[in-house]
């Protein structure tokens, strides 16, 4: 039987592995790819800049109970325009709706809210709030026209990112500047959002006319034929085609907190729809009272000025 071979006590050193590992993939943010990963920056001796802005805006869109069908369709149109929003069930429109909405916004991990509140099946109010610390704005919504109602020819890509444009009036007063910032944060879709498309093919237009904010949505129409194809940055042949919806926002109050708090601004020209309807009823009531008074005056005039007896009235009577 052969003897076992003794192992040599000297260990053979393993050959050094070459650092052939692939570079770490850069991190993706909402504003594109980071220039280099942190490990690569360390290897090259660069300073790490980890402070970058990440837009995590999420908007909760809800409505109140007993809402009109036209206003519900308007809310659904807004939901289709904002891919970064979350929709929830209807909420009772009571004095305690602020606490309910704040709790719901926290559960849904949202930072803003659009609450469509319908009163008397006629009046639509829109609450635009930043949660949980505010501010919040209450609007009266007028001149509502939905996408289905208008039947416009424009048609942009579902979930594409819009270009927000504001009229020059927004830089005039402080409360308009605040409203512009709130609208920008709520209606601007975050870059790289998972439900959005990386294209800009429509425009949100916010303009101030008669202290009202008018909203329009236009599609950017560009010719795609080879003969009419535009050069990069060419705006000569671009046209705007309206898509919808349309609505008008009349600001009522701006509050310091979320759905309440100290009043930062109050519109001095605002007249509630209840007062307008009361004035219309008084006008109609005054018209009826005038008619009754005219009849009474006519009777008194006839009594005070009787007709003379007609001498030929009984001529043909037998």
C-alpha atoms as a PDB file:
ATOM      1  CA  UNK A   1       0.000   0.000   0.000  1.00  0.00           C
ATOM      2  CA  UNK A   2       1.437   3.328  -1.037  1.00  0.00           C
ATOM      3  CA  UNK A   3       2.243   6.104   1.403  1.00  0.00           C
ATOM      4  CA  UNK A   4       0.125   9.263   1.481  1.00  0.00           C
ATOM      5  CA  UNK A   5       1.696  12.281  -0.043  1.00  0.00           C
ATOM      6  CA  UNK A   6       2.367  15.016   2.529  1.00  0.00           C
ATOM      7  CA  UNK A   7       0.908  18.453   1.826  1.00  0.00           C
ATOM      8  CA  UNK A   8       3.466  21.149   1.518  1.00  0.00           C
ATOM      9  CA  UNK A   9       3.292  23.611   4.303  1.00  0.00           C
ATOM     10  CA  UNK A  10       3.877  26.516   1.975  1.00  0.00           C
ATOM     11  CA  UNK A  11       0.538  27.920   0.784  1.00  0.00           C
ATOM     12  CA  UNK A  12       0.352  28.986  -2.776  1.00  0.00           C
ATOM     13  CA  UNK A  13      -0.777  32.593  -3.064  1.00  0.00           C
ATOM     14  CA  UNK A  14      -3.774  33.191  -5.327  1.00  0.00           C
ATOM     15  CA  UNK A  15      -3.193  35.460  -8.256  1.00  0.00           C
ATOM     16  CA  UNK A  16      -4.460  38.959  -7.695  1.00  0.00           C
ATOM     17  CA  UNK A  17      -7.808  39.588  -9.399  1.00  0.00           C
ATOM     18  CA  UNK A  18      -8.000  42.489 -11.743  1.00  0.00           C
ATOM     19  CA  UNK A  19     -10.564  45.161 -10.940  1.00  0.00           C
ATOM     20  CA  UNK A  20     -12.620  44.484 -14.020  1.00  0.00           C
ATOM     21  CA  UNK A  21     -15.975  45.247 -12.306  1.00  0.00           C
ATOM     22  CA  UNK A  22     -18.287  47.516 -14.321  1.00  0.00           C
ATOM     23  CA  UNK A  23     -18.798  51.020 -13.125  1.00  0.00           C
ATOM     24  CA  UNK A  24     -21.818  51.510 -10.911  1.00  0.00           C
ATOM     25  CA  UNK A  25     -24.868  52.729 -12.777  1.00  0.00           C
ATOM     26  CA  UNK A  26     -25.708  56.357 -11.986  1.00  0.00           C
ATOM     27  CA  UNK A  27     -28.767  57.010  -9.897  1.00  0.00           C
ATOM     28  CA  UNK A  28     -31.900  58.161 -11.641  1.00  0.00           C
ATOM     29  CA  UNK A  29     -33.779  61.127 -10.181  1.00  0.00           C
ATOM     30  CA  UNK A  30     -36.917  62.964 -11.169  1.00  0.00           C
ATOM     31  CA  UNK A  31     -34.720  65.465 -13.025  1.00  0.00           C
ATOM     32  CA  UNK A  32     -32.730  62.936 -15.066  1.00  0.00           C
ATOM     33  CA  UNK A  33     -29.594  60.898 -14.405  1.00  0.00           C
ATOM     34  CA  UNK A  34     -27.083  62.004 -11.834  1.00  0.00           C
ATOM     35  CA  UNK A  35     -23.741  62.758 -13.423  1.00  0.00           C
ATOM     36  CA  UNK A  36     -21.829  59.996 -11.621  1.00  0.00           C
ATOM     37  CA  UNK A  37     -22.483  57.530  -8.847  1.00  0.00           C
ATOM     38  CA  UNK A  38     -21.111  58.298  -5.428  1.00  0.00           C
ATOM     39  CA  UNK A  39     -18.600  55.425  -5.551  1.00  0.00           C
ATOM     40  CA  UNK A  40     -17.173  56.602  -8.869  1.00  0.00           C
ATOM     41  CA  UNK A  41     -16.903  60.152  -7.564  1.00  0.00           C
ATOM     42  CA  UNK A  42     -14.954  58.874  -4.567  1.00  0.00           C
ATOM     43  CA  UNK A  43     -12.629  56.936  -6.852  1.00  0.00           C
ATOM     44  CA  UNK A  44     -11.914  59.990  -8.949  1.00  0.00           C
ATOM     45  CA  UNK A  45     -11.447  62.196  -5.917  1.00  0.00           C
ATOM     46  CA  UNK A  46     -14.412  64.481  -6.547  1.00  0.00           C
ATOM     47  CA  UNK A  47     -16.606  65.945  -3.876  1.00  0.00           C
ATOM     48  CA  UNK A  48     -19.979  64.288  -3.394  1.00  0.00           C
ATOM     49  CA  UNK A  49     -22.945  66.595  -3.912  1.00  0.00           C
ATOM     50  CA  UNK A  50     -25.863  64.681  -2.429  1.00  0.00           C
ATOM     51  CA  UNK A  51     -28.086  67.753  -2.054  1.00  0.00           C
ATOM     52  CA  UNK A  52     -30.337  67.647  -5.121  1.00  0.00           C
ATOM     53  CA  UNK A  53     -33.980  68.624  -5.413  1.00  0.00           C
ATOM     54  CA  UNK A  54     -36.431  65.774  -5.866  1.00  0.00           C
ATOM     55  CA  UNK A  55     -39.972  66.677  -6.809  1.00  0.00           C
ATOM     56  CA  UNK A  56     -42.270  64.273  -4.949  1.00  0.00           C
ATOM     57  CA  UNK A  57     -45.451  66.268  -5.424  1.00  0.00           C
ATOM     58  CA  UNK A  58     -48.668  64.217  -5.181  1.00  0.00           C
ATOM     59  CA  UNK A  59     -52.117  65.746  -5.449  1.00  0.00           C
ATOM     60  CA  UNK A  60     -55.268  64.312  -3.904  1.00  0.00           C
ATOM     61  CA  UNK A  61     -58.419  65.054  -5.941  1.00  0.00           C
ATOM     62  CA  UNK A  62     -61.757  64.501  -4.172  1.00  0.00           C
ATOM     63  CA  UNK A  63     -65.281  65.905  -4.339  1.00  0.00           C
ATOM     64  CA  UNK A  64     -68.206  66.334  -1.980  1.00  0.00           C
ATOM     65  CA  UNK A  65     -71.371  64.274  -1.920  1.00  0.00           C
ATOM     66  CA  UNK A  66     -74.433  65.251  -4.003  1.00  0.00           C
ATOM     67  CA  UNK A  67     -72.228  66.795  -6.672  1.00  0.00           C
ATOM     68  CA  UNK A  68     -73.741  67.716 -10.033  1.00  0.00           C
ATOM     69  CA  UNK A  69     -72.921  65.520 -13.031  1.00  0.00           C
ATOM     70  CA  UNK A  70     -71.280  68.403 -14.946  1.00  0.00           C
ATOM     71  CA  UNK A  71     -69.011  69.218 -12.040  1.00  0.00           C
ATOM     72  CA  UNK A  72     -68.159  65.528 -11.590  1.00  0.00           C
ATOM     73  CA  UNK A  73     -67.157  65.345 -15.261  1.00  0.00           C
ATOM     74  CA  UNK A  74     -64.985  68.434 -14.771  1.00  0.00           C
ATOM     75  CA  UNK A  75     -63.217  66.734 -11.842  1.00  0.00           C
ATOM     76  CA  UNK A  76     -62.591  63.628 -13.969  1.00  0.00           C
ATOM     77  CA  UNK A  77     -61.144  65.820 -16.734  1.00  0.00           C
ATOM     78  CA  UNK A  78     -58.722  67.361 -14.228  1.00  0.00           C
ATOM     79  CA  UNK A  79     -57.763  63.865 -13.023  1.00  0.00           C
ATOM     80  CA  UNK A  80     -56.992  62.809 -16.602  1.00  0.00           C
ATOM     81  CA  UNK A  81     -54.753  65.873 -17.049  1.00  0.00           C
ATOM     82  CA  UNK A  82     -52.719  65.230 -13.865  1.00  0.00           C
ATOM     83  CA  UNK A  83     -51.052  61.773 -13.849  1.00  0.00           C
ATOM     84  CA  UNK A  84     -49.421  62.503 -10.472  1.00  0.00           C
ATOM     85  CA  UNK A  85     -52.786  62.838  -8.702  1.00  0.00           C
ATOM     86  CA  UNK A  86     -54.706  60.343  -6.579  1.00  0.00           C
ATOM     87  CA  UNK A  87     -58.485  60.084  -6.584  1.00  0.00           C
ATOM     88  CA  UNK A  88     -60.554  59.056  -3.573  1.00  0.00           C
ATOM     89  CA  UNK A  89     -64.169  58.609  -2.523  1.00  0.00           C
ATOM     90  CA  UNK A  90     -66.622  61.425  -1.929  1.00  0.00           C
ATOM     91  CA  UNK A  91     -66.513  63.336   1.348  1.00  0.00           C
ATOM     92  CA  UNK A  92     -69.367  64.902   3.250  1.00  0.00           C
ATOM     93  CA  UNK A  93     -69.279  68.694   2.998  1.00  0.00           C
ATOM     94  CA  UNK A  94     -69.455  69.736   6.646  1.00  0.00           C
ATOM     95  CA  UNK A  95     -67.694  72.171   8.946  1.00  0.00           C
ATOM     96  CA  UNK A  96     -65.274  69.379   9.972  1.00  0.00           C
ATOM     97  CA  UNK A  97     -64.231  68.559   6.396  1.00  0.00           C
ATOM     98  CA  UNK A  98     -60.809  70.186   6.936  1.00  0.00           C
ATOM     99  CA  UNK A  99     -59.730  67.690   9.600  1.00  0.00           C
ATOM    100  CA  UNK A 100     -61.078  64.780   7.538  1.00  0.00           C
ATOM    101  CA  UNK A 101     -59.248  65.908   4.419  1.00  0.00           C
ATOM    102  CA  UNK A 102     -55.968  66.511   6.250  1.00  0.00           C
ATOM    103  CA  UNK A 103     -56.105  63.005   7.711  1.00  0.00           C
ATOM    104  CA  UNK A 104     -56.930  61.510   4.314  1.00  0.00           C
ATOM    105  CA  UNK A 105     -54.096  63.435   2.643  1.00  0.00           C
ATOM    106  CA  UNK A 106     -51.657  62.112   5.225  1.00  0.00           C
ATOM    107  CA  UNK A 107     -52.863  58.529   4.676  1.00  0.00           C
ATOM    108  CA  UNK A 108     -52.456  58.891   0.908  1.00  0.00           C
ATOM    109  CA  UNK A 109     -48.934  60.399   1.285  1.00  0.00           C
ATOM    110  CA  UNK A 110     -49.922  63.514  -0.688  1.00  0.00           C
ATOM    111  CA  UNK A 111     -48.677  67.075  -0.317  1.00  0.00           C
ATOM    112  CA  UNK A 112     -51.500  68.987  -2.060  1.00  0.00           C
ATOM    113  CA  UNK A 113     -55.247  68.720  -2.447  1.00  0.00           C
ATOM    114  CA  UNK A 114     -57.963  69.764  -4.913  1.00  0.00           C
ATOM    115  CA  UNK A 115     -61.387  69.530  -3.253  1.00  0.00           C
ATOM    116  CA  UNK A 116     -64.480  70.125  -5.416  1.00  0.00           C
ATOM    117  CA  UNK A 117     -67.288  71.168  -3.085  1.00  0.00           C
ATOM    118  CA  UNK A 118     -70.827  71.423  -4.472  1.00  0.00           C
ATOM    119  CA  UNK A 119     -73.534  73.354  -2.621  1.00  0.00           C
ATOM    120  CA  UNK A 120     -77.302  73.243  -3.340  1.00  0.00           C
ATOM    121  CA  UNK A 121     -76.631  71.204  -6.513  1.00  0.00           C
ATOM    122  CA  UNK A 122     -75.800  74.518  -8.204  1.00  0.00           C
ATOM    123  CA  UNK A 123     -72.662  76.197  -6.874  1.00  0.00           C
ATOM    124  CA  UNK A 124     -69.190  74.689  -7.224  1.00  0.00           C
ATOM    125  CA  UNK A 125     -66.340  75.722  -4.923  1.00  0.00           C
ATOM    126  CA  UNK A 126     -62.760  74.584  -5.425  1.00  0.00           C
ATOM    127  CA  UNK A 127     -60.381  74.272  -2.470  1.00  0.00           C
ATOM    128  CA  UNK A 128     -56.690  74.327  -3.416  1.00  0.00           C
ATOM    129  CA  UNK A 129     -54.537  73.496  -0.402  1.00  0.00           C
ATOM    130  CA  UNK A 130     -50.957  72.645   0.514  1.00  0.00           C
ATOM    131  CA  UNK A 131     -50.869  70.158   3.358  1.00  0.00           C
ATOM    132  CA  UNK A 132     -50.345  69.934   6.239  1.00  0.00           C
ATOM    133  CA  UNK A 133     -49.167  73.504   6.944  1.00  0.00           C
ATOM    134  CA  UNK A 134     -50.988  75.493   4.260  1.00  0.00           C
ATOM    135  CA  UNK A 135     -51.717  77.880   2.686  1.00  0.00           C
ATOM    136  CA  UNK A 136     -55.103  77.141   1.122  1.00  0.00           C
ATOM    137  CA  UNK A 137     -57.383  79.017  -1.270  1.00  0.00           C
ATOM    138  CA  UNK A 138     -61.135  78.856  -1.794  1.00  0.00           C
ATOM    139  CA  UNK A 139     -62.432  79.598  -5.312  1.00  0.00           C
ATOM    140  CA  UNK A 140     -65.877  79.908  -6.818  1.00  0.00           C
ATOM    141  CA  UNK A 141     -65.911  78.041 -10.144  1.00  0.00           C
ATOM    142  CA  UNK A 142     -67.850  79.651 -12.991  1.00  0.00           C
ATOM    143  CA  UNK A 143     -68.221  79.094 -16.751  1.00  0.00           C
ATOM    144  CA  UNK A 144     -67.651  75.331 -16.557  1.00  0.00           C
ATOM    145  CA  UNK A 145     -67.266  73.486 -19.886  1.00  0.00           C
ATOM    146  CA  UNK A 146     -66.048  69.885 -19.940  1.00  0.00           C
ATOM    147  CA  UNK A 147     -64.143  68.057 -22.686  1.00  0.00           C
ATOM    148  CA  UNK A 148     -67.193  66.026 -23.699  1.00  0.00           C
ATOM    149  CA  UNK A 149     -69.406  69.094 -23.876  1.00  0.00           C
ATOM    150  CA  UNK A 150     -67.113  71.291 -25.978  1.00  0.00           C
ATOM    151  CA  UNK A 151     -66.276  68.729 -28.713  1.00  0.00           C
ATOM    152  CA  UNK A 152     -63.028  70.503 -29.570  1.00  0.00           C
ATOM    153  CA  UNK A 153     -60.640  69.204 -32.228  1.00  0.00           C
ATOM    154  CA  UNK A 154     -57.475  69.166 -30.077  1.00  0.00           C
ATOM    155  CA  UNK A 155     -56.101  65.860 -28.796  1.00  0.00           C
ATOM    156  CA  UNK A 156     -52.819  65.574 -26.895  1.00  0.00           C
ATOM    157  CA  UNK A 157     -51.012  62.562 -25.471  1.00  0.00           C
ATOM    158  CA  UNK A 158     -52.460  61.070 -22.295  1.00  0.00           C
ATOM    159  CA  UNK A 159     -50.132  61.741 -19.349  1.00  0.00           C
ATOM    160  CA  UNK A 160     -47.767  64.077 -21.181  1.00  0.00           C
ATOM    161  CA  UNK A 161     -46.182  66.954 -19.266  1.00  0.00           C
ATOM    162  CA  UNK A 162     -47.709  70.406 -19.882  1.00  0.00           C
ATOM    163  CA  UNK A 163     -46.027  73.788 -20.274  1.00  0.00           C
ATOM    164  CA  UNK A 164     -47.499  76.254 -17.764  1.00  0.00           C
ATOM    165  CA  UNK A 165     -47.962  79.840 -18.938  1.00  0.00           C
ATOM    166  CA  UNK A 166     -49.193  82.762 -16.851  1.00  0.00           C
ATOM    167  CA  UNK A 167     -50.274  86.248 -17.843  1.00  0.00           C
ATOM    168  CA  UNK A 168     -48.215  89.235 -16.734  1.00  0.00           C
ATOM    169  CA  UNK A 169     -50.894  90.191 -14.156  1.00  0.00           C
ATOM    170  CA  UNK A 170     -49.711  87.466 -11.784  1.00  0.00           C
ATOM    171  CA  UNK A 171     -46.612  89.515 -10.927  1.00  0.00           C
ATOM    172  CA  UNK A 172     -48.622  92.609 -10.043  1.00  0.00           C
ATOM    173  CA  UNK A 173     -49.877  91.908  -6.505  1.00  0.00           C
ATOM    174  CA  UNK A 174     -48.740  89.706  -3.648  1.00  0.00           C
ATOM    175  CA  UNK A 175     -51.801  87.453  -3.531  1.00  0.00           C
ATOM    176  CA  UNK A 176     -51.526  86.769  -7.275  1.00  0.00           C
ATOM    177  CA  UNK A 177     -47.875  85.761  -6.797  1.00  0.00           C
ATOM    178  CA  UNK A 178     -48.929  83.330  -4.061  1.00  0.00           C
ATOM    179  CA  UNK A 179     -51.651  81.855  -6.278  1.00  0.00           C
ATOM    180  CA  UNK A 180     -49.176  81.506  -9.150  1.00  0.00           C
ATOM    181  CA  UNK A 181     -46.753  79.547  -6.956  1.00  0.00           C
ATOM    182  CA  UNK A 182     -49.517  77.250  -5.672  1.00  0.00           C
ATOM    183  CA  UNK A 183     -50.843  76.592  -9.196  1.00  0.00           C
ATOM    184  CA  UNK A 184     -47.303  75.883 -10.418  1.00  0.00           C
ATOM    185  CA  UNK A 185     -46.652  73.334  -7.675  1.00  0.00           C
ATOM    186  CA  UNK A 186     -50.003  71.551  -8.114  1.00  0.00           C
ATOM    187  CA  UNK A 187     -50.415  71.523 -11.917  1.00  0.00           C
ATOM    188  CA  UNK A 188     -46.741  71.010 -12.881  1.00  0.00           C
ATOM    189  CA  UNK A 189     -46.143  67.272 -13.398  1.00  0.00           C
ATOM    190  CA  UNK A 190     -42.844  66.033 -11.850  1.00  0.00           C
ATOM    191  CA  UNK A 191     -40.155  65.117 -14.353  1.00  0.00           C
ATOM    192  CA  UNK A 192     -39.708  61.378 -14.768  1.00  0.00           C
ATOM    193  CA  UNK A 193     -42.942  60.491 -12.989  1.00  0.00           C
ATOM    194  CA  UNK A 194     -43.807  56.836 -13.600  1.00  0.00           C
ATOM    195  CA  UNK A 195     -47.262  57.629 -15.024  1.00  0.00           C
ATOM    196  CA  UNK A 196     -46.168  60.580 -17.159  1.00  0.00           C
ATOM    197  CA  UNK A 197     -44.734  60.710 -20.667  1.00  0.00           C
ATOM    198  CA  UNK A 198     -41.465  62.602 -21.326  1.00  0.00           C
ATOM    199  CA  UNK A 199     -43.039  64.927 -23.888  1.00  0.00           C
ATOM    200  CA  UNK A 200     -44.357  68.472 -23.931  1.00  0.00           C
ATOM    201  CA  UNK A 201     -47.266  68.539 -26.365  1.00  0.00           C
ATOM    202  CA  UNK A 202     -49.817  70.766 -24.632  1.00  0.00           C
ATOM    203  CA  UNK A 203     -49.993  74.051 -22.725  1.00  0.00           C
ATOM    204  CA  UNK A 204     -51.904  75.092 -19.598  1.00  0.00           C
ATOM    205  CA  UNK A 205     -52.814  78.782 -19.853  1.00  0.00           C
ATOM    206  CA  UNK A 206     -53.744  80.752 -16.715  1.00  0.00           C
ATOM    207  CA  UNK A 207     -54.779  84.349 -17.380  1.00  0.00           C
ATOM    208  CA  UNK A 208     -56.328  87.023 -15.149  1.00  0.00           C
ATOM    209  CA  UNK A 209     -59.289  88.944 -16.590  1.00  0.00           C
ATOM    210  CA  UNK A 210     -61.584  91.035 -14.339  1.00  0.00           C
ATOM    211  CA  UNK A 211     -59.930  89.594 -11.198  1.00  0.00           C
ATOM    212  CA  UNK A 212     -60.834  86.045 -12.316  1.00  0.00           C
ATOM    213  CA  UNK A 213     -58.417  83.268 -13.279  1.00  0.00           C
ATOM    214  CA  UNK A 214     -59.357  81.709 -16.629  1.00  0.00           C
ATOM    215  CA  UNK A 215     -58.022  78.244 -17.465  1.00  0.00           C
ATOM    216  CA  UNK A 216     -57.448  76.920 -20.995  1.00  0.00           C
ATOM    217  CA  UNK A 217     -55.723  73.777 -22.282  1.00  0.00           C
ATOM    218  CA  UNK A 218     -54.159  73.873 -25.782  1.00  0.00           C
ATOM    219  CA  UNK A 219     -52.459  71.197 -27.842  1.00  0.00           C
ATOM    220  CA  UNK A 220     -49.183  72.138 -29.569  1.00  0.00           C
ATOM    221  CA  UNK A 221     -49.759  71.120 -33.177  1.00  0.00           C
ATOM    222  CA  UNK A 222     -46.626  70.622 -35.297  1.00  0.00           C
ATOM    223  CA  UNK A 223     -46.632  69.449 -38.968  1.00  0.00           C
ATOM    224  CA  UNK A 224     -44.893  66.099 -39.454  1.00  0.00           C
ATOM    225  CA  UNK A 225     -44.676  65.954 -43.246  1.00  0.00           C
ATOM    226  CA  UNK A 226     -41.159  65.884 -44.630  1.00  0.00           C
ATOM    227  CA  UNK A 227     -41.752  69.055 -46.636  1.00  0.00           C
ATOM    228  CA  UNK A 228     -43.216  70.966 -43.689  1.00  0.00           C
ATOM    229  CA  UNK A 229     -41.012  69.518 -40.950  1.00  0.00           C
ATOM    230  CA  UNK A 230     -39.790  72.146 -38.515  1.00  0.00           C
ATOM    231  CA  UNK A 231     -36.221  72.709 -37.521  1.00  0.00           C
ATOM    232  CA  UNK A 232     -35.381  72.382 -33.843  1.00  0.00           C
ATOM    233  CA  UNK A 233     -36.698  75.447 -32.050  1.00  0.00           C
ATOM    234  CA  UNK A 234     -38.705  76.701 -35.024  1.00  0.00           C
ATOM    235  CA  UNK A 235     -41.988  78.234 -33.880  1.00  0.00           C
ATOM    236  CA  UNK A 236     -43.262  79.694 -37.147  1.00  0.00           C
ATOM    237  CA  UNK A 237     -45.553  76.863 -38.183  1.00  0.00           C
ATOM    238  CA  UNK A 238     -46.576  75.681 -34.703  1.00  0.00           C
ATOM    239  CA  UNK A 239     -50.256  76.185 -33.907  1.00  0.00           C
ATOM    240  CA  UNK A 240     -52.347  75.828 -30.758  1.00  0.00           C
ATOM    241  CA  UNK A 241     -55.577  73.818 -30.835  1.00  0.00           C
ATOM    242  CA  UNK A 242     -57.823  73.938 -27.778  1.00  0.00           C
ATOM    243  CA  UNK A 243     -58.504  70.636 -26.052  1.00  0.00           C
ATOM    244  CA  UNK A 244     -60.479  71.579 -22.952  1.00  0.00           C
ATOM    245  CA  UNK A 245     -61.795  71.709 -20.310  1.00  0.00           C
ATOM    246  CA  UNK A 246     -62.573  75.363 -19.609  1.00  0.00           C
ATOM    247  CA  UNK A 247     -63.387  76.968 -16.287  1.00  0.00           C
ATOM    248  CA  UNK A 248     -63.068  80.257 -14.450  1.00  0.00           C
ATOM    249  CA  UNK A 249     -61.823  80.622 -10.860  1.00  0.00           C
ATOM    250  CA  UNK A 250     -63.033  83.516  -8.713  1.00  0.00           C
ATOM    251  CA  UNK A 251     -60.817  83.728  -5.577  1.00  0.00           C
ATOM    252  CA  UNK A 252     -62.778  84.213  -2.360  1.00  0.00           C
ATOM    253  CA  UNK A 253     -60.268  83.862   0.498  1.00  0.00           C
ATOM    254  CA  UNK A 254     -56.690  82.797   1.085  1.00  0.00           C
ATOM    255  CA  UNK A 255     -56.071  81.084   4.427  1.00  0.00           C
ATOM    256  CA  UNK A 256     -52.785  80.652   6.249  1.00  0.00           C
ATOM    257  CA  UNK A 257     -53.424  77.010   7.187  1.00  0.00           C
ATOM    258  CA  UNK A 258     -54.735  73.921   5.459  1.00  0.00           C
ATOM    259  CA  UNK A 259     -58.516  74.337   4.914  1.00  0.00           C
ATOM    260  CA  UNK A 260     -58.649  77.097   7.500  1.00  0.00           C
ATOM    261  CA  UNK A 261     -56.546  79.327   9.713  1.00  0.00           C
ATOM    262  CA  UNK A 262     -55.911  83.069   9.623  1.00  0.00           C
ATOM    263  CA  UNK A 263     -57.226  84.948   6.592  1.00  0.00           C
ATOM    264  CA  UNK A 264     -54.356  86.259   4.467  1.00  0.00           C
ATOM    265  CA  UNK A 265     -56.493  87.797   1.717  1.00  0.00           C
ATOM    266  CA  UNK A 266     -60.206  88.384   1.142  1.00  0.00           C
ATOM    267  CA  UNK A 267     -61.644  89.403  -2.203  1.00  0.00           C
ATOM    268  CA  UNK A 268     -63.523  92.711  -1.740  1.00  0.00           C
ATOM    269  CA  UNK A 269     -65.405  92.297  -5.057  1.00  0.00           C
ATOM    270  CA  UNK A 270     -66.774  88.837  -4.325  1.00  0.00           C
ATOM    271  CA  UNK A 271     -70.557  88.426  -4.269  1.00  0.00           C
ATOM    272  CA  UNK A 272     -71.910  85.038  -3.238  1.00  0.00           C
ATOM    273  CA  UNK A 273     -74.324  83.197  -5.556  1.00  0.00           C
ATOM    274  CA  UNK A 274     -76.971  83.228  -2.792  1.00  0.00           C
ATOM    275  CA  UNK A 275     -76.985  87.030  -2.780  1.00  0.00           C
ATOM    276  CA  UNK A 276     -77.238  87.121  -6.573  1.00  0.00           C
ATOM    277  CA  UNK A 277     -80.231  84.769  -6.525  1.00  0.00           C
ATOM    278  CA  UNK A 278     -81.869  86.798  -3.725  1.00  0.00           C
ATOM    279  CA  UNK A 279     -81.485  90.004  -5.759  1.00  0.00           C
ATOM    280  CA  UNK A 280     -83.000  88.292  -8.805  1.00  0.00           C
ATOM    281  CA  UNK A 281     -85.972  87.130  -6.742  1.00  0.00           C
ATOM    282  CA  UNK A 282     -86.456  90.627  -5.339  1.00  0.00           C
ATOM    283  CA  UNK A 283     -86.369  92.001  -8.852  1.00  0.00           C
ATOM    284  CA  UNK A 284     -89.038  89.546  -9.976  1.00  0.00           C
ATOM    285  CA  UNK A 285     -91.091  90.280  -6.849  1.00  0.00           C
ATOM    286  CA  UNK A 286     -90.839  94.020  -7.556  1.00  0.00           C
ATOM    287  CA  UNK A 287     -92.111  93.410 -11.086  1.00  0.00           C
ATOM    288  CA  UNK A 288     -95.202  91.634  -9.738  1.00  0.00           C
ATOM    289  CA  UNK A 289     -95.817  94.356  -7.132  1.00  0.00           C
ATOM    290  CA  UNK A 290     -95.650  96.986  -9.877  1.00  0.00           C
ATOM    291  CA  UNK A 291     -98.257  95.069 -11.872  1.00  0.00           C
ATOM    292  CA  UNK A 292    -100.626  94.866  -8.856  1.00  0.00           C
ATOM    293  CA  UNK A 293    -100.174  98.585  -8.114  1.00  0.00           C
ATOM    294  CA  UNK A 294    -100.888  99.456 -11.734  1.00  0.00           C
ATOM    295  CA  UNK A 295    -104.179  97.496 -11.602  1.00  0.00           C
ATOM    296  CA  UNK A 296    -105.161  99.239  -8.363  1.00  0.00           C
ATOM    297  CA  UNK A 297    -104.402 102.666  -9.847  1.00  0.00           C
ATOM    298  CA  UNK A 298    -106.465 101.821 -12.924  1.00  0.00           C
ATOM    299  CA  UNK A 299    -109.490 100.864 -10.796  1.00  0.00           C
ATOM    300  CA  UNK A 300    -109.232 104.021  -8.680  1.00  0.00           C
ATOM    301  CA  UNK A 301    -108.975 106.117 -11.827  1.00  0.00           C
ATOM    302  CA  UNK A 302    -112.102 104.467 -13.241  1.00  0.00           C
ATOM    303  CA  UNK A 303    -113.993 105.089  -9.983  1.00  0.00           C
ATOM    304  CA  UNK A 304    -112.924 108.729  -9.763  1.00  0.00           C
ATOM    305  CA  UNK A 305    -113.690 109.410 -13.440  1.00  0.00           C
ATOM    306  CA  UNK A 306    -116.981 107.610 -14.237  1.00  0.00           C
ATOM    307  CA  UNK A 307    -118.224 107.570 -17.820  1.00  0.00           C
ATOM    308  CA  UNK A 308    -121.279 109.632 -18.759  1.00  0.00           C
ATOM    309  CA  UNK A 309    -124.441 107.558 -19.417  1.00  0.00           C
ATOM    310  CA  UNK A 310    -124.988 106.726 -23.061  1.00  0.00           C
ATOM    311  CA  UNK A 311    -128.362 107.981 -24.299  1.00  0.00           C
ATOM    312  CA  UNK A 312    -128.466 105.447 -27.139  1.00  0.00           C
ATOM    313  CA  UNK A 313    -127.635 102.423 -24.980  1.00  0.00           C
ATOM    314  CA  UNK A 314    -131.288 101.240 -24.674  1.00  0.00           C
ATOM    315  CA  UNK A 315    -132.403 102.196 -28.169  1.00  0.00           C
ATOM    316  CA  UNK A 316    -132.643  98.637 -29.573  1.00  0.00           C
ATOM    317  CA  UNK A 317    -134.062  97.019 -26.466  1.00  0.00           C
ATOM    318  CA  UNK A 318    -137.674  96.053 -26.648  1.00  0.00           C
END
